[in-house]
Amino acid sequence: MKYVSFRPAADSAAAPRAGALSADGTAVLPLDGLCRGGDLLDLIGREAEAAEMAAAAAPLPLDEVVLLAPLPRPGRNLFCVGKNYHAHAEEFHRSGFDASAGKDATPEFPIIFTKAPSTVTGPGAPIPSWLDYSDSTDYEGELAVVIGKGGRGIAKAAAMDHVWGYTVANDVTARNLQKDHRQWLIGKSIDGFCPMGPCITPAADIPELGEMRLTTHVNGEKRQDAVLKDLIFDIPTLIETISRVITLEPGDIILTGTPEGVGIGMAPPVYLVPGDTVRVEISGIGALENPVA
């Protein structure tokens, strides 16, 4: 089952509601009875109840609703991982934009940074490149992990027990700000610079995570194409690393890194401009598409 947050298309001021996508993906099945205030986190551990409620729900056609980010306003900053695919680490190292670069392109330890909750937007929401005063807006298609069971000091062997599900994210970045400020928070945390969705797919529904394929297209041109087993630091390692010093909480989101093929990897760099469309897709989860404004 794929869980979504949504609102009626006719009411832009309506509060988010919780639902599930129908099996054919053409409708939303409301789950209001299980989710206080539309919070999908109320479904953690109640997937069987959600399935029963979805089976009895009156479907809402997809063209009558607007899908939002599955967690429209995360409770904390998003945890993110830099240079976590070998080819992208080399690409970023060569680009001249990596102010933290040492002599080696591939990091010895996971590079963890954060994005502000105000970056999160949903499918179809415009990416506000006009807020990037450095005119260097770039895309980064990524798998996002949603934590279900919190904890501190989580060992790798137990880490996957703490994962509730997965969604698709675009870690949009102002490259010149990322370079100039050295620490990545400013360049990564512009309002609206993290489209996410269209759904959360529970981890239990994805038996072979490493074989799932991530692709990113810009204006229909394929730019990124990788399988998730190519991660340098896998999900258990990331969870162990973060939770060693920070208590993870239900609903925390970890963006796992982007593969080769970002705009700064081109010669010369090719940035997003108004009128572009970015589509990030992960097999088994779904596709996230956003226009650039």
Protein backbone atom coordinates (compact mmCIF):
# COMPACT_ATOMS: atom_id res chain seq x y z
CA MET A 1 0.00 0.00 0.00
CA LYS A 2 1.17 3.54 -0.75
CA TYR A 3 0.22 6.28 1.71
CA VAL A 4 -0.37 9.91 0.70
CA SER A 5 -1.28 13.31 2.09
CA PHE A 6 -3.77 15.25 0.02
CA ARG A 7 -6.31 18.07 -0.12
CA PRO A 8 -9.30 18.70 -2.38
CA ALA A 9 -8.27 20.31 -5.67
CA ALA A 10 -11.05 22.87 -5.28
CA ASP A 11 -9.88 24.12 -1.86
CA SER A 12 -6.29 25.35 -1.66
CA ALA A 13 -6.75 26.32 2.00
CA ALA A 14 -7.96 22.91 3.15
CA ALA A 15 -5.97 21.09 5.82
CA PRO A 16 -4.01 18.01 4.73
CA ARG A 17 -5.82 14.67 4.85
CA ALA A 18 -4.36 11.17 4.97
CA GLY A 19 -5.08 8.47 2.44
CA ALA A 20 -3.83 5.55 0.40
CA LEU A 21 -3.51 5.23 -3.34
CA SER A 22 -5.85 2.76 -4.99
CA ALA A 23 -4.22 -0.32 -6.50
CA ASP A 24 -4.47 1.14 -10.01
CA GLY A 25 -3.19 4.55 -8.89
CA THR A 26 -6.23 6.44 -10.16
CA ALA A 27 -7.84 7.38 -6.85
CA VAL A 28 -7.17 8.25 -3.23
CA LEU A 29 -8.81 6.21 -0.44
CA PRO A 30 -9.28 8.47 2.62
CA LEU A 31 -7.93 7.26 5.98
CA ASP A 32 -9.17 10.13 8.15
CA GLY A 33 -10.44 7.77 10.84
CA LEU A 34 -6.93 6.59 11.68
CA CYS A 35 -4.97 9.82 11.34
CA ARG A 36 -5.41 12.77 13.68
CA GLY A 37 -5.13 15.98 11.71
CA GLY A 38 -4.15 14.03 8.61
CA ASP A 39 -0.85 12.86 10.11
CA LEU A 40 0.40 9.76 8.29
CA LEU A 41 2.65 8.91 11.24
CA ASP A 42 -0.47 7.71 13.06
CA LEU A 43 -0.44 4.73 10.69
CA ILE A 44 2.86 3.35 11.99
CA GLY A 45 2.13 -0.13 13.34
CA ARG A 46 -1.49 0.07 12.17
CA GLU A 47 -1.03 -0.98 8.56
CA ALA A 48 -3.60 -3.80 8.85
CA GLU A 49 -6.23 -1.34 10.11
CA ALA A 50 -5.32 1.04 7.30
CA ALA A 51 -5.83 -1.70 4.72
CA GLU A 52 -9.28 -2.50 6.11
CA MET A 53 -10.29 1.15 6.15
CA ALA A 54 -8.98 1.71 2.62
CA ALA A 55 -10.96 -1.28 1.35
CA ALA A 56 -14.18 0.27 2.68
CA ALA A 57 -13.42 3.90 1.72
CA ALA A 58 -15.19 5.81 -1.02
CA PRO A 59 -12.49 6.55 -3.61
CA LEU A 60 -11.70 10.13 -4.62
CA PRO A 61 -10.53 10.38 -8.25
CA LEU A 62 -6.95 11.57 -8.50
CA ASP A 63 -7.95 14.52 -10.66
CA GLU A 64 -10.15 15.82 -7.85
CA VAL A 65 -7.34 16.03 -5.28
CA VAL A 66 -3.90 17.59 -4.95
CA LEU A 67 -1.19 15.33 -3.57
CA LEU A 68 1.01 17.00 -0.97
CA ALA A 69 4.35 15.91 0.44
CA PRO A 70 3.58 12.77 2.48
CA LEU A 71 4.79 14.59 5.61
CA PRO A 72 3.93 18.18 4.62
CA ARG A 73 5.83 19.80 7.49
CA PRO A 74 8.39 17.53 9.15
CA GLY A 75 8.89 18.09 12.85
CA ARG A 76 12.64 18.47 12.55
CA ASN A 77 15.32 19.26 9.98
CA LEU A 78 15.82 16.59 7.35
CA PHE A 79 19.02 14.56 7.68
CA CYS A 80 20.92 14.46 4.38
CA VAL A 81 23.99 12.65 3.09
CA GLY A 82 26.58 14.15 0.77
CA LYS A 83 28.67 12.31 -1.83
CA ASN A 84 27.12 8.90 -1.22
CA TYR A 85 27.49 7.36 -4.70
CA HIS A 86 31.01 6.69 -6.02
CA ALA A 87 30.47 8.26 -9.45
CA HIS A 88 28.78 11.35 -7.99
CA ALA A 89 31.55 11.76 -5.41
CA GLU A 90 34.05 11.88 -8.30
CA GLU A 91 31.78 14.21 -10.28
CA PHE A 92 31.39 16.63 -7.37
CA HIS A 93 35.11 16.47 -6.54
CA ARG A 94 35.99 17.47 -10.13
CA SER A 95 33.40 20.25 -10.31
CA GLY A 96 35.26 22.74 -8.13
CA PHE A 97 32.12 23.34 -6.07
CA ASP A 98 33.09 21.08 -3.16
CA ALA A 99 34.54 23.47 -0.61
CA SER A 100 34.97 20.60 1.84
CA ALA A 101 36.99 18.45 -0.56
CA GLY A 102 40.24 16.88 0.58
CA LYS A 103 42.60 14.91 -1.62
CA ASP A 104 40.20 11.98 -1.93
CA ALA A 105 36.86 12.20 -3.72
CA THR A 106 35.24 9.34 -1.81
CA PRO A 107 34.53 10.19 1.84
CA GLU A 108 35.90 7.97 4.60
CA PHE A 109 32.84 8.59 6.77
CA PRO A 110 29.28 9.62 5.90
CA ILE A 111 28.90 13.35 5.29
CA ILE A 112 25.78 14.39 7.20
CA PHE A 113 24.09 17.77 6.83
CA THR A 114 20.52 19.03 7.19
CA LYS A 115 17.79 20.87 5.31
CA ALA A 116 15.17 23.00 7.04
CA PRO A 117 11.57 21.69 7.24
CA SER A 118 10.41 24.73 5.24
CA THR A 119 12.14 23.27 2.17
CA VAL A 120 9.53 20.51 1.87
CA THR A 121 6.90 20.81 -0.86
CA GLY A 122 4.80 18.26 -2.72
CA PRO A 123 4.41 16.81 -6.21
CA GLY A 124 3.64 19.46 -8.81
CA ALA A 125 4.67 22.34 -6.57
CA PRO A 126 6.93 24.85 -8.35
CA ILE A 127 10.62 24.84 -7.42
CA PRO A 128 11.21 28.55 -6.57
CA SER A 129 14.52 29.09 -8.38
CA TRP A 130 13.86 32.83 -8.16
CA LEU A 131 14.74 32.63 -4.45
CA ASP A 132 18.27 31.52 -5.40
CA TYR A 133 19.96 34.87 -5.86
CA SER A 134 23.12 33.10 -7.06
CA ASP A 135 21.34 31.71 -10.16
CA SER A 136 22.80 28.23 -9.69
CA THR A 137 19.80 26.01 -8.90
CA ASP A 138 20.53 22.29 -9.38
CA TYR A 139 18.58 19.05 -8.90
CA GLU A 140 19.49 15.92 -6.91
CA GLY A 141 17.16 12.93 -7.14
CA GLU A 142 17.26 10.85 -3.95
CA LEU A 143 15.68 8.05 -1.96
CA ALA A 144 14.27 9.35 1.33
CA VAL A 145 13.95 7.08 4.38
CA VAL A 146 11.15 7.68 6.90
CA ILE A 147 11.91 6.55 10.45
CA GLY A 148 9.14 4.64 12.21
CA LYS A 149 10.61 3.54 15.53
CA GLY A 150 12.93 6.03 17.18
CA GLY A 151 16.04 5.37 19.20
CA ARG A 152 19.63 6.25 20.00
CA GLY A 153 22.65 4.02 19.59
CA ILE A 154 20.96 1.88 16.95
CA ALA A 155 23.28 -0.86 15.66
CA LYS A 156 23.47 -1.61 11.95
CA ALA A 157 22.08 -5.09 12.55
CA ALA A 158 18.88 -3.60 13.99
CA ALA A 159 18.66 -0.46 11.86
CA MET A 160 16.11 -1.65 9.32
CA ASP A 161 13.66 -2.40 12.14
CA HIS A 162 13.51 1.38 12.60
CA VAL A 163 12.55 2.17 8.99
CA TRP A 164 8.85 2.67 8.35
CA GLY A 165 8.98 3.46 4.68
CA TYR A 166 10.45 5.29 1.71
CA THR A 167 9.59 8.20 -0.54
CA VAL A 168 11.16 10.15 -3.41
CA ALA A 169 12.93 13.47 -2.85
CA ASN A 170 14.68 16.14 -4.87
CA ASP A 171 17.46 17.75 -2.83
CA VAL A 172 17.42 21.01 -4.79
CA THR A 173 20.61 23.01 -4.23
CA ALA A 174 21.91 26.51 -4.89
CA ARG A 175 25.40 25.48 -5.94
CA ASN A 176 27.15 28.83 -5.60
CA LEU A 177 25.75 29.29 -2.11
CA GLN A 178 26.77 25.74 -1.21
CA LYS A 179 30.31 26.55 -2.32
CA ASP A 180 30.57 30.06 -0.91
CA HIS A 181 29.25 29.24 2.57
CA ARG A 182 31.28 25.98 2.82
CA GLN A 183 28.79 24.52 5.26
CA TRP A 184 25.89 23.38 3.10
CA LEU A 185 22.87 24.52 5.13
CA ILE A 186 22.29 27.84 3.32
CA GLY A 187 22.62 26.43 -0.19
CA LYS A 188 20.38 23.48 0.63
CA SER A 189 17.69 25.13 2.78
CA ILE A 190 16.05 27.71 0.53
CA ASP A 191 12.29 27.62 1.03
CA GLY A 192 10.68 25.07 -1.30
CA PHE A 193 13.98 23.38 -2.20
CA CYS A 194 12.93 19.84 -1.25
CA PRO A 195 10.03 18.47 -3.27
CA MET A 196 8.97 15.11 -1.84
CA GLY A 197 6.43 12.42 -2.69
CA PRO A 198 4.20 11.31 -4.18
CA CYS A 199 3.73 8.71 -1.42
CA ILE A 200 5.31 6.72 1.38
CA THR A 201 5.76 3.06 0.51
CA PRO A 202 6.15 0.92 3.65
CA ALA A 203 9.49 -0.86 3.93
CA ALA A 204 7.68 -4.19 4.26
CA ASP A 205 6.37 -3.73 0.71
CA ILE A 206 9.87 -3.41 -0.78
CA PRO A 207 11.72 -6.75 -0.53
CA GLU A 208 14.79 -5.86 -2.65
CA LEU A 209 15.69 -2.26 -1.93
CA GLY A 210 19.13 -2.46 -3.53
CA GLU A 211 17.71 -3.44 -6.92
CA MET A 212 15.40 -0.44 -7.13
CA ARG A 213 16.36 2.08 -9.81
CA LEU A 214 16.48 5.87 -9.43
CA THR A 215 16.23 8.06 -12.52
CA THR A 216 16.01 11.80 -12.98
CA HIS A 217 14.80 13.50 -16.14
CA VAL A 218 14.96 17.23 -16.91
CA ASN A 219 12.60 18.28 -19.69
CA GLY A 220 12.38 14.63 -20.70
CA GLU A 221 16.17 14.15 -20.93
CA LYS A 222 17.56 11.44 -18.66
CA ARG A 223 20.25 12.92 -16.42
CA GLN A 224 20.57 10.39 -13.55
CA ASP A 225 20.26 6.60 -13.58
CA ALA A 226 21.45 4.36 -10.75
CA VAL A 227 20.46 1.39 -8.63
CA LEU A 228 20.29 1.88 -4.87
CA LYS A 229 22.85 -0.83 -4.12
CA ASP A 230 25.44 1.64 -5.48
CA LEU A 231 25.26 3.70 -2.27
CA ILE A 232 28.68 4.05 -0.63
CA PHE A 233 27.16 4.04 2.86
CA ASP A 234 24.01 1.93 3.05
CA ILE A 235 20.91 2.76 5.06
CA PRO A 236 21.89 0.72 8.16
CA THR A 237 25.25 2.54 8.25
CA LEU A 238 23.54 5.93 7.99
CA ILE A 239 21.10 5.12 10.77
CA GLU A 240 23.88 3.82 13.01
CA THR A 241 26.02 6.91 12.31
CA ILE A 242 23.30 9.45 13.03
CA SER A 243 21.77 7.67 16.02
CA ARG A 244 25.13 7.25 17.69
CA VAL A 245 24.94 10.89 18.75
CA ILE A 246 21.39 12.05 17.89
CA THR A 247 18.19 10.34 19.01
CA LEU A 248 16.12 9.51 15.96
CA GLU A 249 12.38 10.13 16.29
CA PRO A 250 9.35 8.75 14.44
CA GLY A 251 8.87 10.79 11.29
CA ASP A 252 12.51 11.77 10.91
CA ILE A 253 13.55 11.78 7.26
CA ILE A 254 16.96 10.77 5.91
CA LEU A 255 17.86 11.70 2.33
CA THR A 256 20.39 9.09 1.28
CA GLY A 257 22.37 10.94 -1.40
CA THR A 258 22.22 11.52 -5.13
CA PRO A 259 23.88 9.63 -8.01
CA GLU A 260 25.98 10.97 -10.87
CA GLY A 261 24.38 13.27 -13.42
CA VAL A 262 23.67 16.56 -11.63
CA GLY A 263 23.91 19.89 -13.41
CA ILE A 264 27.32 20.87 -12.04
CA GLY A 265 28.75 17.66 -13.47
CA MET A 266 28.34 19.05 -16.98
CA ALA A 267 30.91 21.21 -18.74
CA PRO A 268 29.92 23.95 -18.40
CA PRO A 269 27.43 23.46 -15.55
CA VAL A 270 23.77 23.44 -16.60
CA TYR A 271 21.40 24.91 -14.02
CA LEU A 272 17.64 24.79 -13.76
CA VAL A 273 15.73 27.75 -15.15
CA PRO A 274 12.07 28.78 -15.04
CA GLY A 275 10.03 26.63 -17.39
CA ASP A 276 12.06 23.46 -16.79
CA THR A 277 10.44 20.30 -15.42
CA VAL A 278 12.24 17.83 -13.17
CA ARG A 279 11.00 14.27 -12.76
CA VAL A 280 12.58 11.93 -10.21
CA GLU A 281 11.37 8.33 -10.21
CA ILE A 282 12.22 5.33 -8.04
CA SER A 283 10.89 1.95 -9.09
CA GLY A 284 8.51 0.50 -6.53
CA ILE A 285 7.70 3.91 -5.04
CA GLY A 286 6.64 6.35 -7.74
CA ALA A 287 7.50 9.49 -9.67
CA LEU A 288 7.93 13.03 -8.32
CA GLU A 289 7.54 15.77 -10.92
CA ASN A 290 7.92 19.52 -10.36
CA PRO A 291 8.09 22.57 -12.61
CA VAL A 292 10.73 25.21 -12.06
CA ALA A 293 9.58 28.76 -11.37
